[in-house]
């Protein structure tokens, strides 16, 4: 179970790094288009803002973020997997409770990774098509996880 948790954690970390990269690319595209055009297309600029928000939402579904007045945010799948991984005792194996907890978080993990993969397969190509239509830089893509 430790190896599986480690692999799950690795996939989530790669997903989060890729989403961070996309957000940086979107912000750079905003800057580039503002530099090239005194008055960039308003629809394009609105779309870029919306894209950044959509990437933020996807990141929020994968990892915990603090919300509000310093109070802890909702726990997300990355924290659940990390917590279980670090609480496993390799000398004695997982307890029945840890096995049960793993059984609860594994389907959530699979659903979140599928959300990222669907985003990579469907949403990102649509965004790049729109960016090409505006003569804006396109976003780096990758194979699903």
N, C-alpha and C. Protein backbone atom coordinates (compact mmCIF):
# COMPACT_ATOMS: atom_id res chain seq x y z
N UNK A 1 0.83 -1.19 0.00
CA UNK A 1 0.00 0.00 0.00
C UNK A 1 0.87 1.25 0.00
N UNK A 2 2.05 1.19 0.65
CA UNK A 2 2.91 2.37 0.66
C UNK A 2 3.37 2.77 -0.74
N UNK A 3 3.72 1.78 -1.55
CA UNK A 3 4.16 2.07 -2.91
C UNK A 3 3.03 2.70 -3.71
N UNK A 4 1.84 2.16 -3.56
CA UNK A 4 0.69 2.71 -4.28
C UNK A 4 0.40 4.16 -3.84
N UNK A 5 0.47 4.41 -2.54
CA UNK A 5 0.27 5.77 -2.03
C UNK A 5 1.35 6.72 -2.55
N UNK A 6 2.59 6.23 -2.59
CA UNK A 6 3.68 7.07 -3.08
C UNK A 6 3.45 7.42 -4.55
N UNK A 7 3.02 6.42 -5.35
CA UNK A 7 2.75 6.67 -6.76
C UNK A 7 1.59 7.64 -6.94
N UNK A 8 0.56 7.49 -6.12
CA UNK A 8 -0.59 8.40 -6.19
C UNK A 8 -0.15 9.82 -5.85
N UNK A 9 0.67 9.94 -4.81
CA UNK A 9 1.16 11.25 -4.40
C UNK A 9 2.01 11.87 -5.51
N UNK A 10 2.83 11.07 -6.14
CA UNK A 10 3.68 11.55 -7.23
C UNK A 10 2.84 12.07 -8.40
N UNK A 11 1.80 11.32 -8.78
CA UNK A 11 0.92 11.75 -9.86
C UNK A 11 0.23 13.08 -9.53
N UNK A 12 -0.24 13.19 -8.29
CA UNK A 12 -0.89 14.44 -7.88
C UNK A 12 0.10 15.60 -7.92
N UNK A 13 1.32 15.38 -7.46
CA UNK A 13 2.32 16.45 -7.47
C UNK A 13 2.66 16.88 -8.89
N UNK A 14 2.79 15.90 -9.81
CA UNK A 14 3.05 16.25 -11.22
C UNK A 14 1.87 17.03 -11.80
N UNK A 15 0.67 16.63 -11.46
CA UNK A 15 -0.53 17.33 -11.94
C UNK A 15 -0.54 18.76 -11.45
N UNK A 16 -0.25 18.96 -10.18
CA UNK A 16 -0.25 20.30 -9.61
C UNK A 16 0.84 21.17 -10.23
N UNK A 17 2.02 20.60 -10.46
CA UNK A 17 3.10 21.37 -11.09
C UNK A 17 2.70 21.78 -12.52
N UNK A 18 2.07 20.86 -13.25
CA UNK A 18 1.64 21.18 -14.60
C UNK A 18 0.59 22.29 -14.58
N UNK A 19 -0.35 22.21 -13.66
CA UNK A 19 -1.38 23.25 -13.57
C UNK A 19 -0.76 24.59 -13.19
N UNK A 20 0.23 24.59 -12.32
CA UNK A 20 0.96 25.83 -12.00
C UNK A 20 1.61 26.40 -13.24
N UNK A 21 2.21 25.54 -14.03
CA UNK A 21 2.85 25.97 -15.26
C UNK A 21 1.83 26.59 -16.23
N UNK A 22 0.68 25.96 -16.35
CA UNK A 22 -0.37 26.50 -17.22
C UNK A 22 -0.80 27.89 -16.76
N UNK A 23 -0.95 28.04 -15.46
CA UNK A 23 -1.37 29.34 -14.93
C UNK A 23 -0.31 30.40 -15.25
N UNK A 24 0.96 30.04 -15.09
CA UNK A 24 2.04 30.97 -15.44
C UNK A 24 2.00 31.32 -16.93
N UNK A 25 1.75 30.32 -17.78
CA UNK A 25 1.68 30.56 -19.22
C UNK A 25 0.51 31.50 -19.56
N UNK A 26 -0.62 31.30 -18.90
CA UNK A 26 -1.78 32.16 -19.14
C UNK A 26 -1.49 33.60 -18.74
N UNK A 27 -0.83 33.78 -17.61
CA UNK A 27 -0.47 35.13 -17.16
C UNK A 27 0.53 35.77 -18.12
N UNK A 28 1.46 34.96 -18.62
CA UNK A 28 2.43 35.48 -19.59
C UNK A 28 1.74 35.86 -20.89
N UNK A 29 0.76 35.09 -21.29
CA UNK A 29 -0.01 35.42 -22.50
C UNK A 29 -0.74 36.75 -22.31
N UNK A 30 -1.30 36.95 -21.13
CA UNK A 30 -1.95 38.24 -20.85
C UNK A 30 -0.95 39.38 -21.04
N UNK A 31 0.22 39.23 -20.45
CA UNK A 31 1.25 40.27 -20.54
C UNK A 31 1.68 40.48 -21.99
N UNK A 32 1.90 39.40 -22.70
CA UNK A 32 2.34 39.49 -24.10
C UNK A 32 1.30 40.23 -24.94
N UNK A 33 0.04 39.87 -24.79
CA UNK A 33 -1.00 40.49 -25.60
C UNK A 33 -1.20 41.96 -25.25
N UNK A 34 -1.01 42.30 -23.98
CA UNK A 34 -1.09 43.72 -23.59
C UNK A 34 0.08 44.49 -24.18
N UNK A 35 1.24 43.86 -24.27
CA UNK A 35 2.42 44.52 -24.82
C UNK A 35 2.29 44.71 -26.32
N UNK A 36 1.75 43.72 -27.01
CA UNK A 36 1.64 43.78 -28.47
C UNK A 36 0.50 44.67 -28.95
N UNK A 37 -0.53 44.81 -28.15
CA UNK A 37 -1.71 45.57 -28.56
C UNK A 37 -2.04 46.62 -27.51
N UNK A 38 -2.15 47.87 -27.94
CA UNK A 38 -2.51 48.92 -26.98
C UNK A 38 -3.86 48.62 -26.35
N UNK A 39 -4.77 48.11 -27.15
CA UNK A 39 -6.08 47.71 -26.65
C UNK A 39 -6.36 46.27 -27.06
N UNK A 40 -5.90 45.32 -26.25
CA UNK A 40 -6.11 43.91 -26.61
C UNK A 40 -7.60 43.56 -26.62
N UNK A 41 -7.93 42.56 -27.40
CA UNK A 41 -9.30 42.09 -27.52
C UNK A 41 -9.89 41.81 -26.14
N UNK A 42 -11.02 42.46 -25.84
CA UNK A 42 -11.63 42.32 -24.51
C UNK A 42 -12.12 40.89 -24.26
N UNK A 43 -12.67 40.25 -25.29
CA UNK A 43 -13.13 38.88 -25.12
C UNK A 43 -11.96 37.95 -24.79
N UNK A 44 -10.84 38.16 -25.47
CA UNK A 44 -9.67 37.34 -25.20
C UNK A 44 -9.18 37.54 -23.77
N UNK A 45 -9.08 38.78 -23.36
CA UNK A 45 -8.58 39.06 -22.01
C UNK A 45 -9.52 38.49 -20.95
N UNK A 46 -10.82 38.58 -21.18
CA UNK A 46 -11.80 37.98 -20.26
C UNK A 46 -11.63 36.46 -20.24
N UNK A 47 -11.45 35.87 -21.41
CA UNK A 47 -11.26 34.42 -21.49
C UNK A 47 -10.01 33.99 -20.74
N UNK A 48 -8.93 34.73 -20.88
CA UNK A 48 -7.70 34.39 -20.16
C UNK A 48 -7.92 34.42 -18.65
N UNK A 49 -8.65 35.43 -18.18
CA UNK A 49 -8.98 35.50 -16.74
C UNK A 49 -9.81 34.29 -16.33
N UNK A 50 -10.79 33.95 -17.16
CA UNK A 50 -11.64 32.79 -16.87
C UNK A 50 -10.83 31.50 -16.86
N UNK A 51 -9.87 31.39 -17.79
CA UNK A 51 -9.02 30.19 -17.84
C UNK A 51 -8.21 30.05 -16.55
N UNK A 52 -7.67 31.17 -16.09
CA UNK A 52 -6.88 31.14 -14.85
C UNK A 52 -7.76 30.68 -13.68
N UNK A 53 -8.98 31.19 -13.62
CA UNK A 53 -9.90 30.78 -12.56
C UNK A 53 -10.23 29.29 -12.65
N UNK A 54 -10.38 28.80 -13.87
CA UNK A 54 -10.69 27.37 -14.05
C UNK A 54 -9.51 26.50 -13.59
N UNK A 55 -8.29 26.92 -13.90
CA UNK A 55 -7.11 26.18 -13.44
C UNK A 55 -7.05 26.22 -11.91
N UNK A 56 -7.34 27.37 -11.32
CA UNK A 56 -7.37 27.49 -9.85
C UNK A 56 -8.36 26.49 -9.24
N UNK A 57 -9.54 26.40 -9.84
CA UNK A 57 -10.55 25.47 -9.32
C UNK A 57 -10.07 24.03 -9.38
N UNK A 58 -9.43 23.68 -10.48
CA UNK A 58 -8.91 22.32 -10.63
C UNK A 58 -7.82 22.05 -9.59
N UNK A 59 -6.96 23.03 -9.36
CA UNK A 59 -5.94 22.87 -8.32
C UNK A 59 -6.58 22.71 -6.95
N UNK A 60 -7.62 23.47 -6.69
CA UNK A 60 -8.32 23.37 -5.40
C UNK A 60 -8.92 21.98 -5.20
N UNK A 61 -9.34 21.34 -6.27
CA UNK A 61 -9.92 20.00 -6.15
C UNK A 61 -8.84 18.96 -5.81
N UNK A 62 -7.59 19.28 -6.13
CA UNK A 62 -6.50 18.33 -5.88
C UNK A 62 -5.81 18.54 -4.54
N UNK A 63 -5.70 19.78 -4.11
CA UNK A 63 -4.92 20.04 -2.89
C UNK A 63 -5.66 21.00 -1.98
N UNK A 64 -5.33 20.91 -0.71
CA UNK A 64 -5.97 21.77 0.29
C UNK A 64 -5.38 23.17 0.20
N UNK A 65 -6.23 24.13 0.38
CA UNK A 65 -5.79 25.52 0.49
C UNK A 65 -6.52 26.12 1.67
N UNK A 66 -5.82 26.96 2.41
CA UNK A 66 -6.48 27.62 3.54
C UNK A 66 -7.48 28.64 3.01
N UNK A 67 -8.61 28.69 3.68
CA UNK A 67 -9.65 29.62 3.28
C UNK A 67 -10.08 30.43 4.48
N UNK A 68 -10.32 31.69 4.28
CA UNK A 68 -10.88 32.50 5.35
C UNK A 68 -9.84 33.03 6.31
N UNK A 69 -10.25 33.23 7.53
CA UNK A 69 -9.48 33.96 8.53
C UNK A 69 -8.44 33.07 9.21
N UNK A 70 -7.56 32.49 8.42
CA UNK A 70 -6.52 31.66 9.00
C UNK A 70 -7.01 30.30 9.46
N UNK A 71 -8.27 29.99 9.20
CA UNK A 71 -8.81 28.69 9.58
C UNK A 71 -8.45 27.69 8.50
N UNK A 72 -8.27 26.46 8.86
CA UNK A 72 -7.91 25.45 7.88
C UNK A 72 -8.98 25.28 6.83
N UNK A 73 -8.56 25.09 5.60
CA UNK A 73 -9.50 24.85 4.52
C UNK A 73 -9.94 23.39 4.51
N UNK A 74 -10.75 23.07 3.56
CA UNK A 74 -11.23 21.70 3.49
C UNK A 74 -10.07 20.78 3.08
N UNK A 75 -10.11 19.60 3.59
CA UNK A 75 -9.07 18.64 3.25
C UNK A 75 -9.31 18.13 1.84
N UNK A 76 -8.27 18.00 1.08
CA UNK A 76 -8.40 17.51 -0.29
C UNK A 76 -7.58 16.25 -0.45
N UNK A 77 -7.75 15.61 -1.57
CA UNK A 77 -7.19 14.29 -1.80
C UNK A 77 -5.67 14.25 -1.61
N UNK A 78 -4.94 15.28 -1.99
CA UNK A 78 -3.49 15.27 -1.84
C UNK A 78 -3.10 15.19 -0.36
N UNK A 79 -3.78 15.93 0.48
CA UNK A 79 -3.49 15.88 1.92
C UNK A 79 -3.89 14.54 2.52
N UNK A 80 -5.02 14.00 2.07
CA UNK A 80 -5.48 12.71 2.58
C UNK A 80 -4.46 11.62 2.27
N UNK A 81 -3.98 11.59 1.04
CA UNK A 81 -3.00 10.57 0.63
C UNK A 81 -1.69 10.78 1.37
N UNK A 82 -1.23 12.02 1.44
CA UNK A 82 0.02 12.31 2.15
C UNK A 82 -0.06 11.94 3.62
N UNK A 83 -1.18 12.26 4.26
CA UNK A 83 -1.34 11.93 5.67
C UNK A 83 -1.31 10.43 5.92
N UNK A 84 -2.01 9.69 5.10
CA UNK A 84 -2.03 8.23 5.26
C UNK A 84 -0.65 7.66 4.98
N UNK A 85 0.02 8.13 3.95
CA UNK A 85 1.35 7.63 3.61
C UNK A 85 2.31 7.80 4.78
N UNK A 86 2.30 8.97 5.40
CA UNK A 86 3.25 9.23 6.48
C UNK A 86 2.85 8.57 7.80
N UNK A 87 1.59 8.14 7.92
CA UNK A 87 1.16 7.46 9.14
C UNK A 87 1.30 5.95 9.09
N UNK A 88 1.61 5.42 7.92
CA UNK A 88 1.79 3.97 7.81
C UNK A 88 3.08 3.55 8.51
N UNK A 89 3.01 2.47 9.22
CA UNK A 89 4.20 1.92 9.87
C UNK A 89 4.71 0.77 9.01
N UNK A 90 5.85 1.00 8.36
CA UNK A 90 6.36 -0.02 7.44
C UNK A 90 6.75 -1.31 8.14
N UNK A 91 6.99 -1.26 9.43
CA UNK A 91 7.38 -2.47 10.15
C UNK A 91 6.20 -3.40 10.39
N UNK A 92 5.00 -2.85 10.56
CA UNK A 92 3.84 -3.66 10.93
C UNK A 92 2.75 -3.69 9.87
N UNK A 93 2.93 -2.94 8.80
CA UNK A 93 1.91 -2.91 7.75
C UNK A 93 0.73 -2.05 8.14
N UNK A 94 -0.18 -1.87 7.22
CA UNK A 94 -1.33 -1.01 7.52
C UNK A 94 -2.30 -1.67 8.50
N UNK A 95 -2.88 -0.84 9.34
CA UNK A 95 -3.91 -1.33 10.27
C UNK A 95 -5.22 -1.51 9.49
N UNK A 96 -6.17 -2.23 10.06
CA UNK A 96 -7.48 -2.34 9.37
C UNK A 96 -8.12 -0.97 9.11
N UNK A 97 -7.96 -0.06 10.06
CA UNK A 97 -8.51 1.29 9.86
C UNK A 97 -7.84 2.02 8.72
N UNK A 98 -6.52 1.84 8.59
CA UNK A 98 -5.80 2.49 7.49
C UNK A 98 -6.20 1.88 6.15
N UNK A 99 -6.42 0.57 6.12
CA UNK A 99 -6.87 -0.08 4.89
C UNK A 99 -8.25 0.44 4.49
N UNK A 100 -9.12 0.61 5.48
CA UNK A 100 -10.46 1.12 5.21
C UNK A 100 -10.38 2.55 4.69
N UNK A 101 -9.55 3.37 5.33
CA UNK A 101 -9.38 4.77 4.91
C UNK A 101 -8.84 4.83 3.49
N UNK A 102 -7.88 3.98 3.17
CA UNK A 102 -7.35 3.92 1.81
C UNK A 102 -8.47 3.59 0.82
N UNK A 103 -9.32 2.66 1.20
CA UNK A 103 -10.46 2.29 0.36
C UNK A 103 -11.42 3.46 0.13
N UNK A 104 -11.44 4.40 1.08
CA UNK A 104 -12.30 5.58 0.93
C UNK A 104 -11.66 6.65 0.04
N UNK A 105 -10.35 6.83 0.17
CA UNK A 105 -9.71 7.92 -0.57
C UNK A 105 -9.28 7.53 -1.99
N UNK A 106 -9.07 6.24 -2.24
CA UNK A 106 -8.63 5.83 -3.57
C UNK A 106 -9.64 6.20 -4.66
N UNK A 107 -10.95 5.99 -4.48
CA UNK A 107 -11.90 6.39 -5.54
C UNK A 107 -11.93 7.92 -5.75
N UNK A 108 -11.73 8.67 -4.68
CA UNK A 108 -11.70 10.13 -4.81
C UNK A 108 -10.47 10.53 -5.62
N UNK A 109 -9.34 9.90 -5.32
CA UNK A 109 -8.11 10.15 -6.08
C UNK A 109 -8.34 9.86 -7.57
N UNK A 110 -8.91 8.69 -7.87
CA UNK A 110 -9.14 8.33 -9.27
C UNK A 110 -10.04 9.36 -9.97
N UNK A 111 -11.07 9.82 -9.27
CA UNK A 111 -11.98 10.81 -9.85
C UNK A 111 -11.26 12.13 -10.14
N UNK A 112 -10.40 12.55 -9.21
CA UNK A 112 -9.67 13.82 -9.40
C UNK A 112 -8.67 13.72 -10.55
N UNK A 113 -7.97 12.60 -10.64
CA UNK A 113 -7.02 12.42 -11.74
C UNK A 113 -7.77 12.37 -13.07
N UNK A 114 -8.93 11.76 -13.08
CA UNK A 114 -9.73 11.73 -14.31
C UNK A 114 -10.18 13.14 -14.69
N UNK A 115 -10.48 13.99 -13.70
CA UNK A 115 -10.83 15.39 -14.00
C UNK A 115 -9.67 16.08 -14.71
N UNK A 116 -8.46 15.87 -14.20
CA UNK A 116 -7.28 16.48 -14.82
C UNK A 116 -7.10 15.92 -16.23
N UNK A 117 -7.23 14.61 -16.38
CA UNK A 117 -7.06 13.99 -17.70
C UNK A 117 -8.10 14.49 -18.70
N UNK A 118 -9.35 14.64 -18.25
CA UNK A 118 -10.39 15.17 -19.13
C UNK A 118 -10.05 16.61 -19.55
N UNK A 119 -9.56 17.38 -18.60
CA UNK A 119 -9.12 18.75 -18.88
C UNK A 119 -8.03 18.73 -19.96
N UNK A 120 -7.07 17.81 -19.83
CA UNK A 120 -5.97 17.72 -20.80
C UNK A 120 -6.46 17.28 -22.18
N UNK A 121 -7.41 16.35 -22.21
CA UNK A 121 -7.91 15.81 -23.48
C UNK A 121 -8.88 16.75 -24.18
N UNK A 122 -9.72 17.43 -23.41
CA UNK A 122 -10.82 18.18 -24.01
C UNK A 122 -10.68 19.70 -23.89
N UNK A 123 -10.49 20.18 -22.69
CA UNK A 123 -10.52 21.63 -22.45
C UNK A 123 -9.29 22.34 -23.01
N UNK A 124 -8.12 21.82 -22.72
CA UNK A 124 -6.88 22.49 -23.15
C UNK A 124 -6.80 22.64 -24.68
N UNK A 125 -7.13 21.62 -25.46
CA UNK A 125 -7.13 21.83 -26.93
C UNK A 125 -8.12 22.91 -27.38
N UNK A 126 -9.27 22.99 -26.72
CA UNK A 126 -10.24 24.04 -27.07
C UNK A 126 -9.66 25.42 -26.77
N UNK A 127 -9.00 25.54 -25.62
CA UNK A 127 -8.37 26.82 -25.28
C UNK A 127 -7.33 27.19 -26.33
N UNK A 128 -6.50 26.23 -26.71
CA UNK A 128 -5.46 26.52 -27.70
C UNK A 128 -6.06 26.92 -29.04
N UNK A 129 -7.17 26.31 -29.43
CA UNK A 129 -7.85 26.72 -30.67
C UNK A 129 -8.27 28.19 -30.59
N UNK A 130 -8.85 28.57 -29.46
CA UNK A 130 -9.27 29.96 -29.29
C UNK A 130 -8.06 30.91 -29.29
N UNK A 131 -7.00 30.50 -28.62
CA UNK A 131 -5.80 31.34 -28.57
C UNK A 131 -5.21 31.53 -29.98
N UNK A 132 -5.19 30.46 -30.77
CA UNK A 132 -4.70 30.57 -32.15
C UNK A 132 -5.57 31.55 -32.95
N UNK A 133 -6.87 31.49 -32.73
CA UNK A 133 -7.78 32.39 -33.45
C UNK A 133 -7.50 33.86 -33.10
N UNK A 134 -7.01 34.11 -31.90
CA UNK A 134 -6.67 35.46 -31.47
C UNK A 134 -5.21 35.79 -31.77
N UNK A 135 -4.49 34.89 -32.43
CA UNK A 135 -3.06 35.06 -32.69
C UNK A 135 -2.27 35.25 -31.40
N UNK A 136 -2.66 34.52 -30.38
CA UNK A 136 -1.99 34.57 -29.08
C UNK A 136 -1.16 33.30 -28.90
N UNK A 137 -0.17 33.35 -28.02
CA UNK A 137 0.64 32.14 -27.75
C UNK A 137 -0.24 31.02 -27.20
N UNK A 138 0.02 29.81 -27.65
CA UNK A 138 -0.74 28.65 -27.17
C UNK A 138 -0.06 28.08 -25.92
N UNK A 139 -0.77 27.18 -25.28
CA UNK A 139 -0.31 26.60 -24.02
C UNK A 139 0.35 25.25 -24.27
N UNK A 140 1.36 24.96 -23.49
CA UNK A 140 2.03 23.67 -23.56
C UNK A 140 1.07 22.60 -23.06
N UNK A 141 0.99 21.51 -23.81
CA UNK A 141 0.12 20.42 -23.40
C UNK A 141 0.98 19.23 -22.99
N UNK A 142 0.34 18.22 -22.45
CA UNK A 142 1.04 16.99 -22.07
C UNK A 142 0.07 15.84 -22.17
N UNK A 143 0.61 14.64 -22.16
CA UNK A 143 -0.23 13.45 -22.17
C UNK A 143 -0.93 13.32 -20.81
N UNK A 144 -2.10 12.72 -20.80
CA UNK A 144 -2.78 12.50 -19.50
C UNK A 144 -1.92 11.68 -18.55
N UNK A 145 -2.25 11.80 -17.28
CA UNK A 145 -1.48 11.11 -16.23
C UNK A 145 -1.94 9.69 -16.04
